[in-house]
């Protein structure tokens, strides 16, 4: 049975918005002091003309894989959504453009191919942006297909709506920015847990939150709990009644453990070059731990092609702990569909300090085939569209979303606390597909994939021996290519 969410969590998230909406609707915060202001909005002038921007009826479309194919939007259900809709309607009328998010493109390789083909064709009279998932942007950037947002004068990438989200910095190479994302961050990897299962195994679920708050949420504390779950065999059939641990293979476990320990898999140095960190001491230590708990407690070793059975098992209430990105808790996702009460905390660290999450988000990329004027107008439209209305500058736009997650009160609060940019750690393991860190290249086999090598038959050192020379050559070529774009 799902545990009802505390009204205190809802109140904490929405109270500020209710106050701010008064300002946005014409209260004391009205912006109307100059002839160019229309309370509560401020008209922006194009520095090239000295007049308000005029996009000439341009229809700006952001292509993705989840929005309605017709670009339609739902009716507002909150005061914030009503105020944002009013502001966006004002933007379209004032600057003579329309804007929408339009789905219908396939995730991953599908939308990437659409982007690449469109760029290679030289574009057309459309004004398109494309949303690429992390791990698919690298080849397009290296081929010179992506526009450099940092060269555009109608968007300020130092604005808080970009700096509070790790995606923009993630896709900045040297002084060039090839992908951006506005708004509050969506957190990456964390640890979900099933209250009912833990209680049945003699573990108080709330004790995990106490350890997080007290700085004692450590690798050893986590492993003790995994061991308790694995030991429960009430029917006496010689098998544990529950799976102790589930995830999408070992890759996410390795990644969040390594980053939380101060290590990395592939990092970006001060020159914007990619470097391997898998043999650094902190990385090795974390990999050993992640490898051990996977071998000892993971749901099952299985064919990588059958990748999503962990989701079904968690939804069905068979897995105690699940390592997964935070989005899985939202309504309609597989944790969100679980009938049991669910908790959520950061993955533990060796000493219980500096708990983190990983970068998660979708990357807005502009076709590099556009001329400078078209690019600056599209950028202006995106930036204006994703600017919050007056009075909502400090509003968390993901607040209502998090409050609808199928999580207990502390789990919802964890999502908010992990939005801190200092707690979101990137790794560039997926940025260079040729490394085959998490998936094979087209035509290759899973045996080539780094994460797949952690199959219980080789040590961490032996696995690193297999990839060292290959990765060195690929990274050298990639860095050379980066220097040339």
Protein backbone atom coordinates (compact mmCIF):
# COMPACT_ATOMS: atom_id res chain seq x y z
CA UNK A 1 0.00 0.00 0.00
CA UNK A 2 1.33 3.42 -0.91
CA UNK A 3 2.12 5.74 1.96
CA UNK A 4 0.39 9.13 1.61
CA UNK A 5 2.80 12.02 1.23
CA UNK A 6 3.10 14.43 4.11
CA UNK A 7 1.37 17.73 3.49
CA UNK A 8 4.39 19.41 5.05
CA UNK A 9 6.51 18.44 2.06
CA UNK A 10 3.97 19.91 -0.35
CA UNK A 11 3.70 23.06 1.71
CA UNK A 12 7.46 23.55 1.89
CA UNK A 13 7.75 23.37 -1.87
CA UNK A 14 4.70 25.41 -2.86
CA UNK A 15 4.46 28.12 -0.22
CA UNK A 16 7.10 30.30 -1.84
CA UNK A 17 5.44 29.92 -5.23
CA UNK A 18 2.10 31.08 -3.86
CA UNK A 19 3.74 34.22 -2.49
CA UNK A 20 5.72 34.83 -5.66
CA UNK A 21 2.66 34.48 -7.87
CA UNK A 22 1.21 37.59 -6.24
CA UNK A 23 4.23 39.54 -7.41
CA UNK A 24 4.06 37.99 -10.86
CA UNK A 25 0.42 39.00 -11.18
CA UNK A 26 1.09 42.67 -10.54
CA UNK A 27 1.98 43.08 -6.87
CA UNK A 28 4.81 45.07 -5.33
CA UNK A 29 7.34 43.53 -7.67
CA UNK A 30 5.89 44.97 -10.88
CA UNK A 31 8.53 45.78 -13.49
CA UNK A 32 7.11 48.88 -15.17
CA UNK A 33 9.45 51.78 -14.59
CA UNK A 34 10.53 52.47 -18.17
CA UNK A 35 8.68 52.97 -21.41
CA UNK A 36 9.82 49.55 -22.56
CA UNK A 37 8.29 47.68 -19.62
CA UNK A 38 4.85 46.13 -19.70
CA UNK A 39 4.00 45.13 -16.13
CA UNK A 40 4.96 42.61 -14.98
CA UNK A 41 7.19 41.85 -18.00
CA UNK A 42 10.18 43.66 -19.47
CA UNK A 43 10.57 44.03 -23.23
CA UNK A 44 14.04 43.06 -24.45
CA UNK A 45 15.62 45.03 -27.28
CA UNK A 46 17.85 43.53 -29.95
CA UNK A 47 21.28 45.18 -29.54
CA UNK A 48 21.72 45.05 -33.32
CA UNK A 49 18.64 47.17 -34.03
CA UNK A 50 17.92 48.98 -30.79
CA UNK A 51 14.32 47.83 -31.14
CA UNK A 52 12.39 44.99 -29.49
CA UNK A 53 13.25 41.59 -30.95
CA UNK A 54 11.09 40.62 -33.91
CA UNK A 55 11.41 36.99 -34.97
CA UNK A 56 9.25 37.49 -38.04
CA UNK A 57 6.72 34.79 -37.23
CA UNK A 58 9.38 32.11 -36.72
CA UNK A 59 8.12 28.79 -35.35
CA UNK A 60 10.79 27.37 -33.03
CA UNK A 61 10.42 23.63 -32.45
CA UNK A 62 12.40 21.53 -29.98
CA UNK A 63 12.31 17.91 -31.17
CA UNK A 64 12.37 15.17 -28.53
CA UNK A 65 10.98 11.68 -27.92
CA UNK A 66 8.50 12.20 -25.08
CA UNK A 67 6.36 15.24 -25.92
CA UNK A 68 3.08 14.88 -27.86
CA UNK A 69 3.74 14.52 -31.57
CA UNK A 70 1.48 17.48 -32.32
CA UNK A 71 3.34 19.72 -29.86
CA UNK A 72 0.25 20.24 -27.72
CA UNK A 73 0.52 21.10 -24.02
CA UNK A 74 -1.66 20.24 -21.05
CA UNK A 75 -3.85 22.82 -19.41
CA UNK A 76 -2.24 24.46 -16.35
CA UNK A 77 -3.11 22.93 -12.99
CA UNK A 78 -1.16 25.21 -10.62
CA UNK A 79 -0.78 28.95 -10.16
CA UNK A 80 2.80 28.73 -11.40
CA UNK A 81 1.73 26.95 -14.58
CA UNK A 82 -1.00 29.57 -15.18
CA UNK A 83 1.47 32.42 -14.72
CA UNK A 84 4.06 30.74 -16.93
CA UNK A 85 1.48 30.19 -19.67
CA UNK A 86 0.45 33.84 -19.52
CA UNK A 87 4.09 34.90 -19.74
CA UNK A 88 4.80 32.60 -22.68
CA UNK A 89 1.75 33.87 -24.55
CA UNK A 90 3.04 37.40 -23.98
CA UNK A 91 6.47 36.38 -25.32
CA UNK A 92 5.00 34.97 -28.52
CA UNK A 93 2.89 38.05 -29.14
CA UNK A 94 5.57 40.57 -28.23
CA UNK A 95 8.42 39.02 -30.21
CA UNK A 96 6.37 37.54 -33.07
CA UNK A 97 7.20 33.84 -32.80
CA UNK A 98 5.76 30.53 -31.66
CA UNK A 99 7.49 27.84 -29.65
CA UNK A 100 6.76 24.20 -28.87
CA UNK A 101 8.26 20.90 -27.80
CA UNK A 102 7.37 18.19 -30.29
CA UNK A 103 7.89 14.46 -29.81
CA UNK A 104 7.80 11.59 -32.25
CA UNK A 105 11.52 10.90 -32.58
CA UNK A 106 13.03 7.74 -31.14
CA UNK A 107 15.23 7.84 -28.05
CA UNK A 108 18.98 7.57 -28.44
CA UNK A 109 20.19 6.53 -31.88
CA UNK A 110 16.87 7.54 -33.44
CA UNK A 111 16.89 11.21 -32.55
CA UNK A 112 20.67 11.39 -32.97
CA UNK A 113 20.39 10.18 -36.55
CA UNK A 114 17.65 12.73 -37.22
CA UNK A 115 19.90 15.50 -35.88
CA UNK A 116 22.92 14.37 -37.89
CA UNK A 117 20.96 13.96 -41.12
CA UNK A 118 19.35 17.37 -40.72
CA UNK A 119 22.70 19.04 -40.09
CA UNK A 120 24.38 17.24 -43.00
CA UNK A 121 21.56 18.28 -45.34
CA UNK A 122 22.21 21.94 -44.62
CA UNK A 123 18.90 22.43 -42.88
CA UNK A 124 15.81 24.07 -44.36
CA UNK A 125 13.44 26.89 -43.52
CA UNK A 126 12.55 25.34 -40.16
CA UNK A 127 13.91 26.59 -36.83
CA UNK A 128 14.72 23.39 -34.98
CA UNK A 129 16.52 22.42 -31.81
CA UNK A 130 17.12 18.77 -30.94
CA UNK A 131 17.13 17.07 -27.55
CA UNK A 132 19.82 14.37 -27.39
CA UNK A 133 20.29 12.03 -24.44
CA UNK A 134 23.63 11.91 -22.67
CA UNK A 135 26.05 9.57 -24.41
CA UNK A 136 24.83 10.39 -27.91
CA UNK A 137 26.11 13.95 -28.33
CA UNK A 138 29.83 13.20 -28.70
CA UNK A 139 29.98 12.00 -32.33
CA UNK A 140 27.82 14.87 -33.54
CA UNK A 141 30.06 17.39 -31.81
CA UNK A 142 33.25 15.76 -33.05
CA UNK A 143 31.89 15.82 -36.60
CA UNK A 144 31.39 19.59 -36.31
CA UNK A 145 27.61 19.32 -36.61
CA UNK A 146 26.67 21.19 -33.44
CA UNK A 147 26.44 24.98 -33.16
CA UNK A 148 28.59 26.63 -30.51
CA UNK A 149 26.13 28.34 -28.16
CA UNK A 150 28.96 30.36 -26.59
CA UNK A 151 29.29 32.42 -29.79
CA UNK A 152 25.69 33.67 -29.65
CA UNK A 153 25.04 37.11 -28.16
CA UNK A 154 21.34 36.59 -27.38
CA UNK A 155 21.90 34.04 -24.62
CA UNK A 156 23.89 34.34 -21.40
CA UNK A 157 25.21 30.92 -20.42
CA UNK A 158 26.31 32.38 -17.07
CA UNK A 159 22.68 32.99 -16.15
CA UNK A 160 21.54 30.95 -13.16
CA UNK A 161 19.11 28.86 -15.19
CA UNK A 162 22.11 27.33 -16.95
CA UNK A 163 24.69 27.33 -14.16
CA UNK A 164 22.45 25.49 -11.70
CA UNK A 165 22.13 22.65 -14.18
CA UNK A 166 25.19 20.50 -14.81
CA UNK A 167 24.32 19.82 -18.44
CA UNK A 168 25.61 23.11 -19.86
CA UNK A 169 29.01 22.80 -18.17
CA UNK A 170 29.06 19.11 -19.12
CA UNK A 171 28.92 19.95 -22.82
CA UNK A 172 31.35 22.85 -22.64
CA UNK A 173 34.73 21.93 -24.11
CA UNK A 174 37.37 24.59 -23.55
CA UNK A 175 35.59 27.84 -24.42
CA UNK A 176 32.98 26.19 -26.66
CA UNK A 177 29.53 25.04 -25.55
CA UNK A 178 27.78 22.55 -27.81
CA UNK A 179 24.85 21.56 -25.62
CA UNK A 180 22.80 23.37 -23.01
CA UNK A 181 19.84 22.84 -20.73
CA UNK A 182 17.90 25.46 -18.78
CA UNK A 183 16.12 24.93 -15.50
CA UNK A 184 16.40 23.04 -12.25
CA UNK A 185 18.45 19.86 -12.48
CA UNK A 186 17.05 16.37 -12.72
CA UNK A 187 19.15 14.19 -10.47
CA UNK A 188 20.84 11.02 -11.63
CA UNK A 189 21.75 7.87 -9.74
CA UNK A 190 20.55 7.15 -6.23
CA UNK A 191 19.30 4.24 -4.16
CA UNK A 192 15.61 3.31 -3.95
CA UNK A 193 14.44 0.88 -1.28
CA UNK A 194 11.26 -1.06 -0.53
CA UNK A 195 9.92 -0.44 2.98
CA UNK A 196 7.93 -3.65 3.19
CA UNK A 197 10.83 -5.90 2.24
CA UNK A 198 13.26 -4.22 4.62
CA UNK A 199 10.81 -4.46 7.51
CA UNK A 200 10.23 -8.15 6.71
CA UNK A 201 14.01 -8.63 6.90
CA UNK A 202 14.28 -6.90 10.28
CA UNK A 203 15.57 -3.56 8.97
CA UNK A 204 13.99 -0.23 9.92
CA UNK A 205 13.77 1.73 6.63
CA UNK A 206 13.90 5.05 8.48
CA UNK A 207 17.25 4.10 10.01
CA UNK A 208 18.77 4.68 6.56
CA UNK A 209 17.67 8.30 6.64
CA UNK A 210 19.09 8.61 10.16
CA UNK A 211 22.45 7.36 8.87
CA UNK A 212 22.36 9.79 5.94
CA UNK A 213 21.64 12.68 8.31
CA UNK A 214 24.25 11.50 10.81
CA UNK A 215 27.05 10.97 8.29
CA UNK A 216 27.17 7.20 8.88
CA UNK A 217 25.64 5.99 5.60
CA UNK A 218 28.72 4.01 4.60
CA UNK A 219 29.62 1.16 2.28
CA UNK A 220 29.87 -1.20 5.24
CA UNK A 221 26.46 -0.16 6.62
CA UNK A 222 24.90 -0.75 3.21
CA UNK A 223 26.55 -4.13 2.79
CA UNK A 224 25.33 -5.20 6.23
CA UNK A 225 21.77 -4.54 5.06
CA UNK A 226 22.31 -6.40 1.80
CA UNK A 227 23.62 -9.34 3.79
CA UNK A 228 20.53 -9.34 6.04
CA UNK A 229 18.17 -9.37 3.08
CA UNK A 230 20.08 -12.15 1.35
CA UNK A 231 19.93 -14.30 4.51
CA UNK A 232 16.11 -14.28 4.77
CA UNK A 233 14.68 -17.67 3.76
CA UNK A 234 11.41 -18.07 5.61
CA UNK A 235 10.06 -20.82 3.38
CA UNK A 236 13.22 -22.90 3.81
CA UNK A 237 13.81 -23.58 0.12
CA UNK A 238 17.47 -22.66 0.32
CA UNK A 239 16.95 -19.44 -1.62
CA UNK A 240 16.59 -15.90 -0.32
CA UNK A 241 12.99 -14.74 -0.31
CA UNK A 242 14.00 -11.47 -1.95
CA UNK A 243 16.60 -10.08 -4.30
CA UNK A 244 18.85 -7.84 -2.21
CA UNK A 245 20.04 -5.57 -5.03
CA UNK A 246 18.93 -4.61 -8.51
CA UNK A 247 20.15 -2.21 -11.18
CA UNK A 248 20.64 -1.86 -14.90
CA UNK A 249 23.73 -4.07 -14.84
CA UNK A 250 26.86 -3.14 -12.92
CA UNK A 251 27.61 0.06 -14.83
CA UNK A 252 25.52 2.44 -12.78
CA UNK A 253 26.73 0.86 -9.53
CA UNK A 254 30.36 1.27 -10.58
CA UNK A 255 29.79 4.84 -11.71
CA UNK A 256 28.03 6.19 -8.62
CA UNK A 257 30.42 4.35 -6.27
CA UNK A 258 33.49 5.71 -8.07
CA UNK A 259 32.25 9.30 -8.27
CA UNK A 260 31.18 9.24 -4.63
CA UNK A 261 34.67 8.13 -3.65
CA UNK A 262 36.31 11.04 -5.44
CA UNK A 263 37.35 8.94 -8.42
CA UNK A 264 36.16 8.85 -12.00
CA UNK A 265 36.01 6.69 -15.11
CA UNK A 266 36.62 9.26 -17.84
CA UNK A 267 37.26 12.83 -16.69
CA UNK A 268 37.79 16.18 -18.41
CA UNK A 269 41.01 17.98 -17.52
CA UNK A 270 41.67 21.73 -17.35
CA UNK A 271 42.44 21.80 -21.09
CA UNK A 272 39.10 20.24 -21.96
CA UNK A 273 40.77 16.93 -22.82
CA UNK A 274 39.34 13.57 -21.80
CA UNK A 275 41.50 11.35 -19.58
CA UNK A 276 41.05 7.86 -18.14
CA UNK A 277 40.84 7.68 -14.35
CA UNK A 278 39.98 4.01 -13.84
CA UNK A 279 43.41 3.20 -12.45
CA UNK A 280 43.49 6.01 -9.90
CA UNK A 281 43.50 4.76 -6.32
CA UNK A 282 40.09 6.22 -5.43
CA UNK A 283 38.52 4.70 -8.56
CA UNK A 284 40.02 1.27 -7.97
CA UNK A 285 38.89 1.19 -4.35
CA UNK A 286 35.30 2.03 -5.30
CA UNK A 287 35.27 -0.43 -8.19
CA UNK A 288 36.34 -3.23 -5.88
CA UNK A 289 33.44 -2.46 -3.56
CA UNK A 290 30.88 -2.13 -6.38
CA UNK A 291 32.13 -5.35 -7.97
CA UNK A 292 31.90 -7.24 -4.68
CA UNK A 293 28.32 -6.27 -3.83
CA UNK A 294 27.25 -6.99 -7.40
CA UNK A 295 28.77 -10.47 -7.34
CA UNK A 296 27.40 -11.24 -3.88
CA UNK A 297 23.97 -9.60 -3.89
CA UNK A 298 22.89 -8.60 -7.37
CA UNK A 299 19.55 -9.89 -8.66
CA UNK A 300 21.05 -12.15 -11.33
CA UNK A 301 23.72 -12.29 -14.00
CA UNK A 302 21.93 -12.24 -17.30
CA UNK A 303 22.12 -11.53 -21.00
CA UNK A 304 22.63 -7.76 -21.51
CA UNK A 305 19.97 -7.89 -24.18
CA UNK A 306 17.44 -8.67 -21.44
CA UNK A 307 18.29 -5.44 -19.72
CA UNK A 308 15.03 -4.34 -18.10
CA UNK A 309 13.99 -7.35 -15.97
CA UNK A 310 15.22 -5.49 -12.88
CA UNK A 311 12.45 -2.97 -13.46
CA UNK A 312 9.72 -5.61 -13.51
CA UNK A 313 11.11 -7.26 -10.40
CA UNK A 314 11.20 -3.99 -8.48
CA UNK A 315 7.69 -3.02 -9.55
CA UNK A 316 6.51 -6.48 -8.44
CA UNK A 317 8.03 -5.95 -4.99
CA UNK A 318 10.82 -8.51 -5.23
CA UNK A 319 13.93 -6.30 -4.85
CA UNK A 320 14.96 -4.60 -1.62
CA UNK A 321 17.43 -2.02 -2.98
CA UNK A 322 17.53 -0.52 -6.46
CA UNK A 323 20.28 1.65 -7.98
CA UNK A 324 18.68 3.89 -10.58
CA UNK A 325 18.27 7.48 -11.73
CA UNK A 326 15.84 9.56 -9.72
CA UNK A 327 13.27 9.83 -12.51
CA UNK A 328 12.26 6.20 -11.89
CA UNK A 329 10.19 7.32 -8.90
CA UNK A 330 7.86 9.53 -10.90
CA UNK A 331 4.27 8.56 -11.59
CA UNK A 332 4.11 6.15 -14.50
CA UNK A 333 7.69 4.96 -14.19
CA UNK A 334 8.51 1.57 -12.71
CA UNK A 335 9.23 2.66 -9.14
CA UNK A 336 6.25 4.98 -9.41
CA UNK A 337 4.14 1.95 -10.28
CA UNK A 338 5.26 -0.10 -7.28
CA UNK A 339 2.41 -0.73 -4.82
CA UNK A 340 4.75 -0.69 -1.81
CA UNK A 341 6.08 2.37 0.01
CA UNK A 342 9.46 3.40 -1.42
CA UNK A 343 12.36 5.36 -0.01
CA UNK A 344 15.22 7.10 -1.76
CA UNK A 345 18.70 8.11 -0.58
CA UNK A 346 22.07 8.82 -2.18
CA UNK A 347 24.32 5.83 -2.78
CA UNK A 348 26.57 5.44 0.27
CA UNK A 349 30.21 6.47 0.36
CA UNK A 350 33.14 4.82 2.10
CA UNK A 351 33.07 7.23 5.05
CA UNK A 352 29.43 8.36 4.88
CA UNK A 353 30.42 11.89 3.84
CA UNK A 354 30.01 13.87 0.62
CA UNK A 355 27.00 11.95 -0.68
CA UNK A 356 26.38 12.69 -4.35
CA UNK A 357 24.29 11.96 -7.40
CA UNK A 358 25.27 11.83 -11.07
CA UNK A 359 24.49 14.03 -14.05
CA UNK A 360 21.17 13.19 -15.65
CA UNK A 361 19.39 15.24 -18.25
CA UNK A 362 18.72 15.76 -21.90
CA UNK A 363 20.90 18.01 -23.99
CA UNK A 364 19.56 20.82 -26.18
CA UNK A 365 21.65 21.02 -29.35
CA UNK A 366 21.39 23.45 -32.25
CA UNK A 367 22.20 22.38 -35.82
CA UNK A 368 25.54 23.81 -36.84
CA UNK A 369 24.27 24.43 -40.38
CA UNK A 370 22.33 27.55 -39.34
CA UNK A 371 23.67 30.97 -40.20
CA UNK A 372 24.57 33.32 -37.36
CA UNK A 373 21.40 35.43 -37.50
CA UNK A 374 19.07 32.43 -37.49
CA UNK A 375 21.03 30.92 -34.62
CA UNK A 376 20.84 34.07 -32.50
CA UNK A 377 17.07 34.38 -32.97
CA UNK A 378 16.46 30.73 -32.11
CA UNK A 379 18.70 31.09 -29.06
CA UNK A 380 16.79 34.18 -27.96
CA UNK A 381 13.50 32.29 -28.27
CA UNK A 382 14.75 29.30 -26.23
CA UNK A 383 16.27 31.51 -23.56
CA UNK A 384 13.12 33.63 -23.23
CA UNK A 385 10.85 30.58 -23.21
CA UNK A 386 12.81 28.94 -20.39
CA UNK A 387 13.05 32.11 -18.30
CA UNK A 388 10.65 31.98 -15.37
CA UNK A 389 8.04 34.75 -15.07
CA UNK A 390 8.72 37.79 -12.89
CA UNK A 391 8.47 36.88 -9.23
CA UNK A 392 9.41 33.23 -9.76
CA UNK A 393 13.15 33.69 -10.08
CA UNK A 394 13.88 31.37 -7.12
CA UNK A 395 11.04 28.97 -7.83
CA UNK A 396 11.93 25.28 -8.19
CA UNK A 397 10.17 24.30 -11.40
CA UNK A 398 10.49 20.60 -10.52
CA UNK A 399 8.78 21.03 -7.16
CA UNK A 400 5.36 19.78 -8.15
CA UNK A 401 6.95 16.95 -10.13
CA UNK A 402 8.97 15.71 -7.15
CA UNK A 403 5.96 15.95 -4.87
CA UNK A 404 4.12 13.51 -7.13
CA UNK A 405 6.87 10.90 -6.91
CA UNK A 406 5.91 7.57 -5.32
CA UNK A 407 8.30 8.10 -2.41
CA UNK A 408 8.07 8.63 1.31
CA UNK A 409 8.49 12.14 2.70
CA UNK A 410 12.24 11.88 3.27
CA UNK A 411 12.74 10.41 -0.20
CA UNK A 412 11.08 13.43 -1.75
CA UNK A 413 13.25 15.72 0.35
CA UNK A 414 16.32 13.79 -0.84
CA UNK A 415 15.47 14.66 -4.43
CA UNK A 416 15.44 18.34 -3.55
CA UNK A 417 18.68 18.17 -1.55
CA UNK A 418 20.55 16.41 -4.36
CA UNK A 419 19.71 19.19 -6.82
CA UNK A 420 22.67 21.10 -5.37
CA UNK A 421 25.07 21.55 -8.29
CA UNK A 422 27.96 20.66 -5.98
CA UNK A 423 26.41 17.23 -5.34
CA UNK A 424 25.91 16.35 -9.02
CA UNK A 425 29.06 14.74 -10.38
CA UNK A 426 29.76 14.14 -14.07
CA UNK A 427 31.74 11.43 -15.76
CA UNK A 428 32.48 11.47 -19.46
CA UNK A 429 32.39 7.69 -19.82
CA UNK A 430 29.58 7.86 -22.37
CA UNK A 431 30.80 10.93 -24.23
CA UNK A 432 33.24 8.95 -26.42
CA UNK A 433 31.31 5.92 -27.73
CA UNK A 434 34.43 4.35 -29.23
CA UNK A 435 35.56 3.54 -25.70
CA UNK A 436 32.58 1.17 -25.45
CA UNK A 437 32.25 1.78 -21.73
CA UNK A 438 28.56 0.89 -21.40
CA UNK A 439 27.44 -0.34 -24.81
CA UNK A 440 29.04 -1.77 -27.97
CA UNK A 441 29.58 0.06 -31.21
CA UNK A 442 27.39 -0.96 -34.12
CA UNK A 443 28.38 -4.46 -35.21
CA UNK A 444 30.51 -5.09 -32.12
CA UNK A 445 29.74 -7.53 -29.32
CA UNK A 446 29.07 -7.05 -25.63
CA UNK A 447 32.40 -8.75 -24.88
CA UNK A 448 34.10 -5.49 -25.93
CA UNK A 449 32.13 -3.42 -23.44
CA UNK A 450 33.99 -2.32 -20.31
CA UNK A 451 31.10 -2.76 -17.89
CA UNK A 452 30.31 -6.20 -19.34
CA UNK A 453 33.82 -7.36 -18.47
CA UNK A 454 32.80 -7.18 -14.80
CA UNK A 455 31.19 -10.61 -15.07
CA UNK A 456 32.82 -12.37 -12.13
CA UNK A 457 35.56 -14.06 -14.15
CA UNK A 458 38.24 -11.34 -14.01
CA UNK A 459 39.60 -8.93 -11.39
CA UNK A 460 39.36 -5.16 -11.66
CA UNK A 461 43.06 -4.95 -12.49
CA UNK A 462 42.76 -7.60 -15.19
CA UNK A 463 39.83 -5.75 -16.74
CA UNK A 464 41.74 -2.48 -16.76
CA UNK A 465 44.69 -4.23 -18.38
CA UNK A 466 42.41 -5.20 -21.27
CA UNK A 467 41.31 -1.64 -22.06
CA UNK A 468 44.36 0.46 -21.17
CA UNK A 469 46.07 0.64 -24.57
CA UNK A 470 42.81 0.75 -26.52
CA UNK A 471 41.49 3.64 -24.47
CA UNK A 472 44.77 5.55 -24.67
CA UNK A 473 44.67 5.53 -28.45
CA UNK A 474 41.00 6.48 -28.65
CA UNK A 475 41.34 9.31 -26.14
CA UNK A 476 44.38 10.67 -27.97
CA UNK A 477 42.46 10.75 -31.26
CA UNK A 478 39.39 12.24 -29.60
CA UNK A 479 41.37 15.02 -27.92
CA UNK A 480 43.06 15.84 -31.20
CA UNK A 481 39.65 16.09 -32.85
CA UNK A 482 38.34 18.31 -30.03
CA UNK A 483 41.24 20.69 -30.55
CA UNK A 484 40.24 21.03 -34.19
CA UNK A 485 36.57 21.90 -33.86
